[in-house]
Amino acid sequence: MSLIERRKGQAVELVQDGADQWIRIPSDLALPGHSALLHREGERLVIEPVPATGLLDWLSTLTDWEGDFPELDEQAPPPRDVDL
């Protein structure tokens, strides 16, 4: 059993770009939204999604809905007007 298997991780390539270093995150590990929090815990780097702070932030984290819409009940009476 390799070190990667024992740590339950997925190997990724580290790329040096000048003074910066980056990785390509595989699609099965992709985070929602457009930004993330990065911090160090000992020897580990931890990447976490930024918590949604407003409706637009929260909506940007949603994925497409692939379900079906329910059929309309053609026998239902029409909605009644309500004075507010």
C-alpha atoms as a PDB file:
ATOM      1  CA  MET A   1       0.000   0.000   0.000  1.00  0.00           C
ATOM      2  CA  SER A   2       1.454   3.354  -1.040  1.00  0.00           C
ATOM      3  CA  LEU A   3       1.658   6.446   1.156  1.00  0.00           C
ATOM      4  CA  ILE A   4      -1.051   8.086  -0.984  1.00  0.00           C
ATOM      5  CA  GLU A   5      -3.423   5.148  -0.447  1.00  0.00           C
ATOM      6  CA  ARG A   6      -2.789   5.189   3.321  1.00  0.00           C
ATOM      7  CA  ARG A   7      -3.592   8.898   3.468  1.00  0.00           C
ATOM      8  CA  LYS A   8      -6.678   8.429   1.265  1.00  0.00           C
ATOM      9  CA  GLY A   9      -5.605  11.128  -1.151  1.00  0.00           C
ATOM     10  CA  GLN A  10      -5.171  11.603  -4.855  1.00  0.00           C
ATOM     11  CA  ALA A  11      -1.754  12.375  -6.322  1.00  0.00           C
ATOM     12  CA  VAL A  12      -1.527  15.688  -8.184  1.00  0.00           C
ATOM     13  CA  GLU A  13       1.341  17.392  -9.963  1.00  0.00           C
ATOM     14  CA  LEU A  14       2.888  20.490  -8.380  1.00  0.00           C
ATOM     15  CA  VAL A  15       3.778  23.145 -10.962  1.00  0.00           C
ATOM     16  CA  GLN A  16       6.275  25.930 -10.246  1.00  0.00           C
ATOM     17  CA  ASP A  17       5.399  29.254 -11.928  1.00  0.00           C
ATOM     18  CA  GLY A  18       7.992  31.827 -10.926  1.00  0.00           C
ATOM     19  CA  ALA A  19       7.610  32.354  -7.185  1.00  0.00           C
ATOM     20  CA  ASP A  20       4.161  30.703  -7.167  1.00  0.00           C
ATOM     21  CA  GLN A  21       3.266  27.034  -7.066  1.00  0.00           C
ATOM     22  CA  TRP A  22      -0.054  25.624  -8.201  1.00  0.00           C
ATOM     23  CA  ILE A  23      -1.945  22.368  -8.710  1.00  0.00           C
ATOM     24  CA  ARG A  24      -4.776  21.357 -11.013  1.00  0.00           C
ATOM     25  CA  ILE A  25      -7.668  20.127  -8.875  1.00  0.00           C
ATOM     26  CA  PRO A  26      -9.341  17.056 -10.432  1.00  0.00           C
ATOM     27  CA  SER A  27     -13.032  17.542 -11.268  1.00  0.00           C
ATOM     28  CA  ASP A  28     -14.169  14.978  -8.694  1.00  0.00           C
ATOM     29  CA  LEU A  29     -12.546  17.139  -5.979  1.00  0.00           C
ATOM     30  CA  ALA A  30     -13.617  20.538  -7.360  1.00  0.00           C
ATOM     31  CA  LEU A  31     -14.928  23.094  -4.875  1.00  0.00           C
ATOM     32  CA  PRO A  32     -18.111  25.121  -5.412  1.00  0.00           C
ATOM     33  CA  GLY A  33     -17.964  28.842  -6.083  1.00  0.00           C
ATOM     34  CA  HIS A  34     -15.116  30.983  -7.386  1.00  0.00           C
ATOM     35  CA  SER A  35     -12.823  31.342  -4.387  1.00  0.00           C
ATOM     36  CA  ALA A  36     -11.445  29.243  -1.554  1.00  0.00           C
ATOM     37  CA  LEU A  37      -9.622  29.555   1.748  1.00  0.00           C
ATOM     38  CA  LEU A  38      -6.108  28.094   1.921  1.00  0.00           C
ATOM     39  CA  HIS A  39      -4.292  27.467   5.176  1.00  0.00           C
ATOM     40  CA  ARG A  40      -1.592  25.248   6.595  1.00  0.00           C
ATOM     41  CA  GLU A  41      -2.138  22.652   9.329  1.00  0.00           C
ATOM     42  CA  GLY A  42       1.304  21.381  10.242  1.00  0.00           C
ATOM     43  CA  GLU A  43       2.731  19.832   7.052  1.00  0.00           C
ATOM     44  CA  ARG A  44      -0.668  19.835   5.295  1.00  0.00           C
ATOM     45  CA  LEU A  45      -2.216  22.454   3.037  1.00  0.00           C
ATOM     46  CA  VAL A  46      -5.972  22.650   3.494  1.00  0.00           C
ATOM     47  CA  ILE A  47      -8.253  24.153   0.836  1.00  0.00           C
ATOM     48  CA  GLU A  48     -11.828  24.936   1.862  1.00  0.00           C
ATOM     49  CA  PRO A  49     -14.706  26.586   0.013  1.00  0.00           C
ATOM     50  CA  VAL A  50     -15.472  30.136   1.091  1.00  0.00           C
ATOM     51  CA  PRO A  51     -18.791  30.075   2.959  1.00  0.00           C
ATOM     52  CA  ALA A  52     -21.629  31.774   1.094  1.00  0.00           C
ATOM     53  CA  THR A  53     -22.277  35.236   2.536  1.00  0.00           C
ATOM     54  CA  GLY A  54     -25.286  36.321   0.517  1.00  0.00           C
ATOM     55  CA  LEU A  55     -27.919  35.048  -1.863  1.00  0.00           C
ATOM     56  CA  LEU A  56     -25.780  35.497  -4.993  1.00  0.00           C
ATOM     57  CA  ASP A  57     -22.816  33.733  -3.370  1.00  0.00           C
ATOM     58  CA  TRP A  58     -25.060  30.880  -2.302  1.00  0.00           C
ATOM     59  CA  LEU A  59     -26.692  30.628  -5.741  1.00  0.00           C
ATOM     60  CA  SER A  60     -23.244  30.408  -7.380  1.00  0.00           C
ATOM     61  CA  THR A  61     -22.574  27.209  -5.397  1.00  0.00           C
ATOM     62  CA  LEU A  62     -25.630  25.385  -6.776  1.00  0.00           C
ATOM     63  CA  THR A  63     -25.355  22.820  -9.527  1.00  0.00           C
ATOM     64  CA  ASP A  64     -27.835  22.292 -12.353  1.00  0.00           C
ATOM     65  CA  TRP A  65     -30.996  20.443 -11.334  1.00  0.00           C
ATOM     66  CA  GLU A  66     -31.473  17.317 -13.414  1.00  0.00           C
ATOM     67  CA  GLY A  67     -34.859  16.254 -12.052  1.00  0.00           C
ATOM     68  CA  ASP A  68     -38.178  16.391 -13.857  1.00  0.00           C
ATOM     69  CA  PHE A  69     -40.846  18.955 -13.129  1.00  0.00           C
ATOM     70  CA  PRO A  70     -44.111  17.461 -11.875  1.00  0.00           C
ATOM     71  CA  GLU A  71     -46.973  17.227 -14.312  1.00  0.00           C
ATOM     72  CA  LEU A  72     -49.559  19.991 -14.032  1.00  0.00           C
ATOM     73  CA  ASP A  73     -52.924  18.940 -12.683  1.00  0.00           C
ATOM     74  CA  GLU A  74     -55.242  20.080 -15.480  1.00  0.00           C
ATOM     75  CA  GLN A  75     -58.273  19.308 -13.286  1.00  0.00           C
ATOM     76  CA  ALA A  76     -57.251  21.729 -10.521  1.00  0.00           C
ATOM     77  CA  PRO A  77     -59.376  24.875 -10.222  1.00  0.00           C
ATOM     78  CA  PRO A  78     -57.750  28.143 -11.294  1.00  0.00           C
ATOM     79  CA  PRO A  79     -56.055  30.148  -8.548  1.00  0.00           C
ATOM     80  CA  ARG A  80     -58.296  32.727  -6.904  1.00  0.00           C
ATOM     81  CA  ASP A  81     -57.456  36.404  -6.632  1.00  0.00           C
ATOM     82  CA  VAL A  82     -56.330  37.574  -3.216  1.00  0.00           C
ATOM     83  CA  ASP A  83     -56.354  41.191  -2.074  1.00  0.00           C
ATOM     84  CA  LEU A  84     -53.283  42.026  -0.027  1.00  0.00           C
END
